[in-house]
PDB file of all heavy atoms in Angstrom:
ATOM      1  N   ASN A   1     -36.516 -72.460  91.688  1.00  0.00           N
ATOM      2  CA  ASN A   1     -37.538 -73.017  92.560  1.00  0.00           C
ATOM      3  C   ASN A   1     -38.164 -71.920  93.420  1.00  0.00           C
ATOM      4  O   ASN A   1     -38.488 -72.118  94.577  1.00  0.00           O
ATOM      5  CB  ASN A   1     -36.931 -74.101  93.459  1.00  0.00           C
ATOM      6  CG  ASN A   1     -36.339 -75.249  92.657  1.00  0.00           C
ATOM      7  OD1 ASN A   1     -37.045 -76.128  92.210  1.00  0.00           O
ATOM      8  ND2 ASN A   1     -35.028 -75.212  92.460  1.00  0.00           N
ATOM      9  N   TRP A   2     -38.286 -70.733  92.820  1.00  0.00           N
ATOM     10  CA  TRP A   2     -38.825 -69.598  93.565  1.00  0.00           C
ATOM     11  C   TRP A   2     -40.257 -69.894  94.002  1.00  0.00           C
ATOM     12  O   TRP A   2     -41.030 -70.540  93.302  1.00  0.00           O
ATOM     13  CB  TRP A   2     -38.769 -68.336  92.716  1.00  0.00           C
ATOM     14  CG  TRP A   2     -37.428 -68.090  92.091  1.00  0.00           C
ATOM     15  CD1 TRP A   2     -37.166 -67.892  90.778  1.00  0.00           C
ATOM     16  CD2 TRP A   2     -36.162 -68.047  92.759  1.00  0.00           C
ATOM     17  NE1 TRP A   2     -35.820 -67.709  90.580  1.00  0.00           N
ATOM     18  CE2 TRP A   2     -35.170 -67.811  91.786  1.00  0.00           C
ATOM     19  CE3 TRP A   2     -35.758 -68.187  94.091  1.00  0.00           C
ATOM     20  CZ2 TRP A   2     -33.836 -67.694  92.076  1.00  0.00           C
ATOM     21  CZ3 TRP A   2     -34.414 -68.082  94.394  1.00  0.00           C
ATOM     22  CH2 TRP A   2     -33.469 -67.832  93.397  1.00  0.00           C
ATOM     23  N   ARG A   3     -40.603 -69.365  95.151  1.00  0.00           N
ATOM     24  CA  ARG A   3     -41.912 -69.604  95.755  1.00  0.00           C
ATOM     25  C   ARG A   3     -42.564 -68.261  96.054  1.00  0.00           C
ATOM     26  O   ARG A   3     -41.895 -67.276  96.356  1.00  0.00           O
ATOM     27  CB  ARG A   3     -41.730 -70.413  97.050  1.00  0.00           C
ATOM     28  CG  ARG A   3     -42.991 -71.056  97.614  1.00  0.00           C
ATOM     29  CD  ARG A   3     -42.590 -72.008  98.744  1.00  0.00           C
ATOM     30  NE  ARG A   3     -41.483 -72.864  98.305  1.00  0.00           N
ATOM     31  CZ  ARG A   3     -41.644 -73.982  97.603  1.00  0.00           C
ATOM     32  NH1 ARG A   3     -42.855 -74.412  97.279  1.00  0.00           N
ATOM     33  NH2 ARG A   3     -40.588 -74.684  97.218  1.00  0.00           N
ATOM     34  N   ASP A   4     -43.884 -68.216  95.991  1.00  0.00           N
ATOM     35  CA  ASP A   4     -44.597 -66.981  96.288  1.00  0.00           C
ATOM     36  C   ASP A   4     -45.825 -67.322  97.131  1.00  0.00           C
ATOM     37  O   ASP A   4     -46.466 -68.362  96.917  1.00  0.00           O
ATOM     38  CB  ASP A   4     -45.017 -66.267  95.004  1.00  0.00           C
ATOM     39  CG  ASP A   4     -45.540 -64.865  95.278  1.00  0.00           C
ATOM     40  OD1 ASP A   4     -44.767 -64.035  95.782  1.00  0.00           O
ATOM     41  OD2 ASP A   4     -46.723 -64.602  95.004  1.00  0.00           O
ATOM     42  N   ILE A   5     -46.148 -66.450  98.078  1.00  0.00           N
ATOM     43  CA  ILE A   5     -47.265 -66.665  98.989  1.00  0.00           C
ATOM     44  C   ILE A   5     -48.095 -65.392  99.079  1.00  0.00           C
ATOM     45  O   ILE A   5     -47.542 -64.293  99.207  1.00  0.00           O
ATOM     46  CB  ILE A   5     -46.774 -67.005 100.412  1.00  0.00           C
ATOM     47  CG1 ILE A   5     -45.633 -68.021 100.396  1.00  0.00           C
ATOM     48  CG2 ILE A   5     -47.940 -67.466 101.276  1.00  0.00           C
ATOM     49  CD1 ILE A   5     -44.277 -67.426 100.677  1.00  0.00           C
ATOM     50  N   LYS A   6     -49.413 -65.545  99.007  1.00  0.00           N
ATOM     51  CA  LYS A   6     -50.320 -64.445  99.315  1.00  0.00           C
ATOM     52  C   LYS A   6     -51.455 -64.987 100.176  1.00  0.00           C
ATOM     53  O   LYS A   6     -51.689 -66.203 100.234  1.00  0.00           O
ATOM     54  CB  LYS A   6     -50.892 -63.818  98.039  1.00  0.00           C
ATOM     55  CG  LYS A   6     -49.865 -63.159  97.136  1.00  0.00           C
ATOM     56  CD  LYS A   6     -49.225 -61.945  97.778  1.00  0.00           C
ATOM     57  CE  LYS A   6     -48.318 -61.184  96.817  1.00  0.00           C
ATOM     58  NZ  LYS A   6     -47.209 -61.979  96.300  1.00  0.00           N
ATOM     59  N   THR A   7     -52.193 -64.092 100.817  1.00  0.00           N
ATOM     60  CA  THR A   7     -53.291 -64.514 101.673  1.00  0.00           C
ATOM     61  C   THR A   7     -54.570 -63.808 101.262  1.00  0.00           C
ATOM     62  O   THR A   7     -54.557 -62.719 100.695  1.00  0.00           O
ATOM     63  CB  THR A   7     -52.996 -64.201 103.150  1.00  0.00           C
ATOM     64  OG1 THR A   7     -52.827 -62.787 103.309  1.00  0.00           O
ATOM     65  CG2 THR A   7     -51.743 -64.915 103.620  1.00  0.00           C
ATOM     66  N   ARG A   8     -55.678 -64.466 101.562  1.00  0.00           N
ATOM     67  CA  ARG A   8     -57.009 -63.844 101.463  1.00  0.00           C
ATOM     68  C   ARG A   8     -57.862 -64.448 102.567  1.00  0.00           C
ATOM     69  O   ARG A   8     -58.043 -65.649 102.617  1.00  0.00           O
ATOM     70  CB  ARG A   8     -57.643 -64.096 100.095  1.00  0.00           C
ATOM     71  CG  ARG A   8     -58.730 -63.076  99.751  1.00  0.00           C
ATOM     72  CD  ARG A   8     -60.082 -63.507 100.223  1.00  0.00           C
ATOM     73  NE  ARG A   8     -60.702 -64.394  99.253  1.00  0.00           N
ATOM     74  CZ  ARG A   8     -61.735 -65.186  99.519  1.00  0.00           C
ATOM     75  NH1 ARG A   8     -62.244 -65.237 100.738  1.00  0.00           N
ATOM     76  NH2 ARG A   8     -62.235 -65.976  98.606  1.00  0.00           N
ATOM     77  N   GLY A   9     -58.316 -63.589 103.486  1.00  0.00           N
ATOM     78  CA  GLY A   9     -59.037 -64.100 104.634  1.00  0.00           C
ATOM     79  C   GLY A   9     -58.125 -64.946 105.495  1.00  0.00           C
ATOM     80  O   GLY A   9     -57.024 -64.537 105.868  1.00  0.00           O
ATOM     81  N   VAL A  10     -58.559 -66.167 105.803  1.00  0.00           N
ATOM     82  CA  VAL A  10     -57.786 -67.052 106.678  1.00  0.00           C
ATOM     83  C   VAL A  10     -57.037 -68.122 105.886  1.00  0.00           C
ATOM     84  O   VAL A  10     -56.584 -69.115 106.454  1.00  0.00           O
ATOM     85  CB  VAL A  10     -58.692 -67.709 107.738  1.00  0.00           C
ATOM     86  CG1 VAL A  10     -59.295 -66.659 108.647  1.00  0.00           C
ATOM     87  CG2 VAL A  10     -59.785 -68.543 107.078  1.00  0.00           C
ATOM     88  N   PHE A  11     -56.872 -67.905 104.586  1.00  0.00           N
ATOM     89  CA  PHE A  11     -56.190 -68.896 103.747  1.00  0.00           C
ATOM     90  C   PHE A  11     -54.947 -68.299 103.101  1.00  0.00           C
ATOM     91  O   PHE A  11     -54.925 -67.124 102.716  1.00  0.00           O
ATOM     92  CB  PHE A  11     -57.125 -69.436 102.666  1.00  0.00           C
ATOM     93  CG  PHE A  11     -58.183 -70.360 103.194  1.00  0.00           C
ATOM     94  CD1 PHE A  11     -59.407 -69.866 103.619  1.00  0.00           C
ATOM     95  CD2 PHE A  11     -57.952 -71.729 103.293  1.00  0.00           C
ATOM     96  CE1 PHE A  11     -60.387 -70.710 104.127  1.00  0.00           C
ATOM     97  CE2 PHE A  11     -58.918 -72.582 103.798  1.00  0.00           C
ATOM     98  CZ  PHE A  11     -60.138 -72.073 104.216  1.00  0.00           C
ATOM     99  N   ALA A  12     -53.922 -69.135 102.982  1.00  0.00           N
ATOM    100  CA  ALA A  12     -52.719 -68.784 102.235  1.00  0.00           C
ATOM    101  C   ALA A  12     -52.703 -69.580 100.939  1.00  0.00           C
ATOM    102  O   ALA A  12     -53.141 -70.733 100.890  1.00  0.00           O
ATOM    103  CB  ALA A  12     -51.468 -69.096 103.053  1.00  0.00           C
ATOM    104  N   PHE A  13     -52.188 -68.945  99.896  1.00  0.00           N
ATOM    105  CA  PHE A  13     -52.088 -69.568  98.573  1.00  0.00           C
ATOM    106  C   PHE A  13     -50.606 -69.538  98.181  1.00  0.00           C
ATOM    107  O   PHE A  13     -49.991 -68.478  98.161  1.00  0.00           O
ATOM    108  CB  PHE A  13     -52.961 -68.823  97.569  1.00  0.00           C
ATOM    109  CG  PHE A  13     -54.400 -68.745  98.010  1.00  0.00           C
ATOM    110  CD1 PHE A  13     -54.847 -67.671  98.772  1.00  0.00           C
ATOM    111  CD2 PHE A  13     -55.296 -69.757  97.704  1.00  0.00           C
ATOM    112  CE1 PHE A  13     -56.164 -67.616  99.209  1.00  0.00           C
ATOM    113  CE2 PHE A  13     -56.612 -69.710  98.139  1.00  0.00           C
ATOM    114  CZ  PHE A  13     -57.052 -68.633  98.893  1.00  0.00           C
ATOM    115  N   VAL A  14     -50.072 -70.719  97.866  1.00  0.00           N
ATOM    116  CA  VAL A  14     -48.630 -70.869  97.683  1.00  0.00           C
ATOM    117  C   VAL A  14     -48.353 -71.474  96.313  1.00  0.00           C
ATOM    118  O   VAL A  14     -48.919 -72.512  95.956  1.00  0.00           O
ATOM    119  CB  VAL A  14     -48.040 -71.793  98.770  1.00  0.00           C
ATOM    120  CG1 VAL A  14     -46.516 -71.880  98.614  1.00  0.00           C
ATOM    121  CG2 VAL A  14     -48.414 -71.307 100.161  1.00  0.00           C
ATOM    122  N   VAL A  15     -47.471 -70.825  95.562  1.00  0.00           N
ATOM    123  CA  VAL A  15     -47.065 -71.345  94.257  1.00  0.00           C
ATOM    124  C   VAL A  15     -45.546 -71.466  94.224  1.00  0.00           C
ATOM    125  O   VAL A  15     -44.835 -70.898  95.051  1.00  0.00           O
ATOM    126  CB  VAL A  15     -47.542 -70.441  93.103  1.00  0.00           C
ATOM    127  CG1 VAL A  15     -49.065 -70.353  93.074  1.00  0.00           C
ATOM    128  CG2 VAL A  15     -46.924 -69.043  93.201  1.00  0.00           C
ATOM    129  N   SER A  16     -45.056 -72.222  93.245  1.00  0.00           N
ATOM    130  CA  SER A  16     -43.612 -72.391  93.082  1.00  0.00           C
ATOM    131  C   SER A  16     -43.310 -72.732  91.639  1.00  0.00           C
ATOM    132  O   SER A  16     -44.160 -73.260  90.912  1.00  0.00           O
ATOM    133  CB  SER A  16     -43.097 -73.505  93.997  1.00  0.00           C
ATOM    134  OG  SER A  16     -41.737 -73.799  93.721  1.00  0.00           O
ATOM    135  N   GLU A  17     -42.069 -72.464  91.248  1.00  0.00           N
ATOM    136  CA  GLU A  17     -41.599 -72.879  89.927  1.00  0.00           C
ATOM    137  C   GLU A  17     -41.090 -74.311  89.916  1.00  0.00           C
ATOM    138  O   GLU A  17     -40.688 -74.802  88.863  1.00  0.00           O
ATOM    139  CB  GLU A  17     -40.501 -71.926  89.444  1.00  0.00           C
ATOM    140  CG  GLU A  17     -40.999 -70.536  89.136  1.00  0.00           C
ATOM    141  CD  GLU A  17     -39.921 -69.651  88.548  1.00  0.00           C
ATOM    142  OE1 GLU A  17     -38.891 -70.198  88.110  1.00  0.00           O
ATOM    143  OE2 GLU A  17     -40.108 -68.436  88.513  1.00  0.00           O
ATOM    144  N   ALA A  18     -41.099 -74.982  91.069  1.00  0.00           N
ATOM    145  CA  ALA A  18     -40.752 -76.404  91.076  1.00  0.00           C
ATOM    146  C   ALA A  18     -41.692 -77.141  90.132  1.00  0.00           C
ATOM    147  O   ALA A  18     -42.905 -76.918  90.149  1.00  0.00           O
ATOM    148  CB  ALA A  18     -40.859 -76.968  92.488  1.00  0.00           C
ATOM    149  N   ASN A  19     -41.158 -77.996  89.300  1.00  0.00           N
ATOM    150  CA  ASN A  19     -41.898 -78.616  88.198  1.00  0.00           C
ATOM    151  C   ASN A  19     -43.190 -79.278  88.668  1.00  0.00           C
ATOM    152  O   ASN A  19     -43.181 -80.203  89.483  1.00  0.00           O
ATOM    153  CB  ASN A  19     -41.003 -79.645  87.506  1.00  0.00           C
ATOM    154  CG  ASN A  19     -41.653 -80.207  86.261  1.00  0.00           C
ATOM    155  OD1 ASN A  19     -42.376 -79.500  85.561  1.00  0.00           O
ATOM    156  ND2 ASN A  19     -41.397 -81.476  85.989  1.00  0.00           N
ATOM    157  N   GLY A  20     -44.344 -78.786  88.171  1.00  0.00           N
ATOM    158  CA  GLY A  20     -45.638 -79.383  88.479  1.00  0.00           C
ATOM    159  C   GLY A  20     -46.195 -79.036  89.839  1.00  0.00           C
ATOM    160  O   GLY A  20     -47.148 -79.683  90.299  1.00  0.00           O
ATOM    161  N   HIS A  21     -45.688 -78.017  90.491  1.00  0.00           N
ATOM    162  CA  HIS A  21     -46.096 -77.688  91.856  1.00  0.00           C
ATOM    163  C   HIS A  21     -47.550 -77.263  91.950  1.00  0.00           C
ATOM    164  O   HIS A  21     -48.281 -77.659  92.853  1.00  0.00           O
ATOM    165  CB  HIS A  21     -45.186 -76.585  92.416  1.00  0.00           C
ATOM    166  CG  HIS A  21     -45.476 -76.183  93.832  1.00  0.00           C
ATOM    167  ND1 HIS A  21     -46.515 -75.354  94.184  1.00  0.00           N
ATOM    168  CD2 HIS A  21     -44.843 -76.515  94.988  1.00  0.00           C
ATOM    169  CE1 HIS A  21     -46.511 -75.176  95.491  1.00  0.00           C
ATOM    170  NE2 HIS A  21     -45.501 -75.858  96.002  1.00  0.00           N
ATOM    171  N   GLY A  22     -48.009 -76.403  91.024  1.00  0.00           N
ATOM    172  CA  GLY A  22     -49.359 -75.867  91.117  1.00  0.00           C
ATOM    173  C   GLY A  22     -49.501 -74.901  92.279  1.00  0.00           C
ATOM    174  O   GLY A  22     -48.531 -74.254  92.703  1.00  0.00           O
ATOM    175  N   MET A  23     -50.718 -74.812  92.836  1.00  0.00           N
ATOM    176  CA  MET A  23     -50.990 -73.902  93.953  1.00  0.00           C
ATOM    177  C   MET A  23     -51.483 -74.691  95.164  1.00  0.00           C
ATOM    178  O   MET A  23     -52.466 -75.425  95.088  1.00  0.00           O
ATOM    179  CB  MET A  23     -52.039 -72.865  93.556  1.00  0.00           C
ATOM    180  CG  MET A  23     -52.383 -71.873  94.675  1.00  0.00           C
ATOM    181  SD  MET A  23     -53.618 -70.649  94.182  1.00  0.00           S
ATOM    182  CE  MET A  23     -55.130 -71.644  94.196  1.00  0.00           C
ATOM    183  N   GLN A  24     -50.797 -74.531  96.274  1.00  0.00           N
ATOM    184  CA  GLN A  24     -51.243 -75.114  97.536  1.00  0.00           C
ATOM    185  C   GLN A  24     -52.169 -74.130  98.250  1.00  0.00           C
ATOM    186  O   GLN A  24     -51.968 -72.913  98.189  1.00  0.00           O
ATOM    187  CB  GLN A  24     -50.050 -75.420  98.442  1.00  0.00           C
ATOM    188  CG  GLN A  24     -49.099 -76.467  97.903  1.00  0.00           C
ATOM    189  CD  GLN A  24     -47.808 -76.520  98.715  1.00  0.00           C
ATOM    190  OE1 GLN A  24     -47.132 -75.512  98.886  1.00  0.00           O
ATOM    191  NE2 GLN A  24     -47.469 -77.700  99.209  1.00  0.00           N
ATOM    192  N   VAL A  25     -53.174 -74.667  98.920  1.00  0.00           N
ATOM    193  CA  VAL A  25     -54.091 -73.867  99.731  1.00  0.00           C
ATOM    194  C   VAL A  25     -53.933 -74.324 101.175  1.00  0.00           C
ATOM    195  O   VAL A  25     -53.997 -75.525 101.468  1.00  0.00           O
ATOM    196  CB  VAL A  25     -55.546 -74.044  99.273  1.00  0.00           C
ATOM    197  CG1 VAL A  25     -56.475 -73.174 100.123  1.00  0.00           C
ATOM    198  CG2 VAL A  25     -55.692 -73.696  97.788  1.00  0.00           C
ATOM    199  N   PHE A  26     -53.718 -73.366 102.078  1.00  0.00           N
ATOM    200  CA  PHE A  26     -53.464 -73.706 103.476  1.00  0.00           C
ATOM    201  C   PHE A  26     -54.339 -72.848 104.378  1.00  0.00           C
ATOM    202  O   PHE A  26     -54.363 -71.620 104.265  1.00  0.00           O
ATOM    203  CB  PHE A  26     -51.991 -73.485 103.815  1.00  0.00           C
ATOM    204  CG  PHE A  26     -51.640 -73.823 105.237  1.00  0.00           C
ATOM    205  CD1 PHE A  26     -51.498 -75.147 105.631  1.00  0.00           C
ATOM    206  CD2 PHE A  26     -51.460 -72.826 106.180  1.00  0.00           C
ATOM    207  CE1 PHE A  26     -51.182 -75.466 106.948  1.00  0.00           C
ATOM    208  CE2 PHE A  26     -51.146 -73.126 107.488  1.00  0.00           C
ATOM    209  CZ  PHE A  26     -51.007 -74.448 107.883  1.00  0.00           C
ATOM    210  N   ASP A  27     -55.070 -73.506 105.286  1.00  0.00           N
ATOM    211  CA  ASP A  27     -55.928 -72.819 106.252  1.00  0.00           C
ATOM    212  C   ASP A  27     -55.063 -72.327 107.409  1.00  0.00           C
ATOM    213  O   ASP A  27     -54.578 -73.119 108.234  1.00  0.00           O
ATOM    214  CB  ASP A  27     -57.007 -73.778 106.757  1.00  0.00           C
ATOM    215  CG  ASP A  27     -58.064 -73.081 107.612  1.00  0.00           C
ATOM    216  OD1 ASP A  27     -57.756 -72.017 108.186  1.00  0.00           O
ATOM    217  OD2 ASP A  27     -59.196 -73.608 107.716  1.00  0.00           O
ATOM    218  N   LEU A  28     -54.879 -71.015 107.472  1.00  0.00           N
ATOM    219  CA  LEU A  28     -53.974 -70.430 108.456  1.00  0.00           C
ATOM    220  C   LEU A  28     -54.491 -70.545 109.886  1.00  0.00           C
ATOM    221  O   LEU A  28     -53.716 -70.374 110.838  1.00  0.00           O
ATOM    222  CB  LEU A  28     -53.720 -68.964 108.101  1.00  0.00           C
ATOM    223  CG  LEU A  28     -52.926 -68.747 106.801  1.00  0.00           C
ATOM    224  CD1 LEU A  28     -53.165 -67.346 106.267  1.00  0.00           C
ATOM    225  CD2 LEU A  28     -51.442 -69.003 107.019  1.00  0.00           C
ATOM    226  N   ARG A  29     -55.764 -70.847 110.064  1.00  0.00           N
ATOM    227  CA  ARG A  29     -56.285 -71.030 111.414  1.00  0.00           C
ATOM    228  C   ARG A  29     -55.619 -72.214 112.112  1.00  0.00           C
ATOM    229  O   ARG A  29     -55.640 -72.302 113.344  1.00  0.00           O
ATOM    230  CB  ARG A  29     -57.800 -71.213 111.366  1.00  0.00           C
ATOM    231  CG  ARG A  29     -58.555 -69.940 110.974  1.00  0.00           C
ATOM    232  CD  ARG A  29     -60.010 -70.193 110.739  1.00  0.00           C
ATOM    233  NE  ARG A  29     -60.235 -71.019 109.552  1.00  0.00           N
ATOM    234  CZ  ARG A  29     -61.428 -71.243 109.020  1.00  0.00           C
ATOM    235  NH1 ARG A  29     -62.511 -70.691 109.563  1.00  0.00           N
ATOM    236  NH2 ARG A  29     -61.560 -71.995 107.945  1.00  0.00           N
ATOM    237  N   ARG A  30     -55.034 -73.107 111.355  1.00  0.00           N
ATOM    238  CA  ARG A  30     -54.337 -74.257 111.938  1.00  0.00           C
ATOM    239  C   ARG A  30     -53.110 -73.836 112.754  1.00  0.00           C
ATOM    240  O   ARG A  30     -52.643 -74.586 113.616  1.00  0.00           O
ATOM    241  CB  ARG A  30     -53.937 -75.236 110.838  1.00  0.00           C
ATOM    242  CG  ARG A  30     -55.137 -75.875 110.145  1.00  0.00           C
ATOM    243  CD  ARG A  30     -54.757 -76.543 108.827  1.00  0.00           C
ATOM    244  NE  ARG A  30     -53.780 -77.607 109.000  1.00  0.00           N
ATOM    245  CZ  ARG A  30     -53.201 -78.247 107.977  1.00  0.00           C
ATOM    246  NH1 ARG A  30     -53.502 -77.906 106.727  1.00  0.00           N
ATOM    247  NH2 ARG A  30     -52.332 -79.209 108.205  1.00  0.00           N
ATOM    248  N   LEU A  31     -52.605 -72.626 112.495  1.00  0.00           N
ATOM    249  CA  LEU A  31     -51.451 -72.144 113.243  1.00  0.00           C
ATOM    250  C   LEU A  31     -51.786 -71.905 114.710  1.00  0.00           C
ATOM    251  O   LEU A  31     -50.898 -71.935 115.571  1.00  0.00           O
ATOM    252  CB  LEU A  31     -50.917 -70.855 112.615  1.00  0.00           C
ATOM    253  CG  LEU A  31     -50.495 -70.928 111.142  1.00  0.00           C
ATOM    254  CD1 LEU A  31     -50.033 -69.561 110.673  1.00  0.00           C
ATOM    255  CD2 LEU A  31     -49.412 -71.971 110.921  1.00  0.00           C
ATOM    256  N   ARG A  32     -53.078 -71.656 115.009  1.00  0.00           N
ATOM    257  CA  ARG A  32     -53.475 -71.343 116.384  1.00  0.00           C
ATOM    258  C   ARG A  32     -53.269 -72.534 117.321  1.00  0.00           C
ATOM    259  O   ARG A  32     -53.072 -72.356 118.527  1.00  0.00           O
ATOM    260  CB  ARG A  32     -54.948 -70.952 116.429  1.00  0.00           C
ATOM    261  CG  ARG A  32     -55.331 -69.750 115.594  1.00  0.00           C
ATOM    262  CD  ARG A  32     -56.844 -69.609 115.563  1.00  0.00           C
ATOM    263  NE  ARG A  32     -57.284 -68.541 114.677  1.00  0.00           N
ATOM    264  CZ  ARG A  32     -58.546 -68.371 114.280  1.00  0.00           C
ATOM    265  NH1 ARG A  32     -59.487 -69.207 114.703  1.00  0.00           N
ATOM    266  NH2 ARG A  32     -58.864 -67.373 113.477  1.00  0.00           N
TER     267      ARG A  32
END
């Protein structure tokens, strides 16, 4: 269930080997 994260601009892109996970997109400005 390994997970990997990278960023570009103010967005994070998250993937996982969990079955059918795909790629999540997260707006990092929400952390503020």
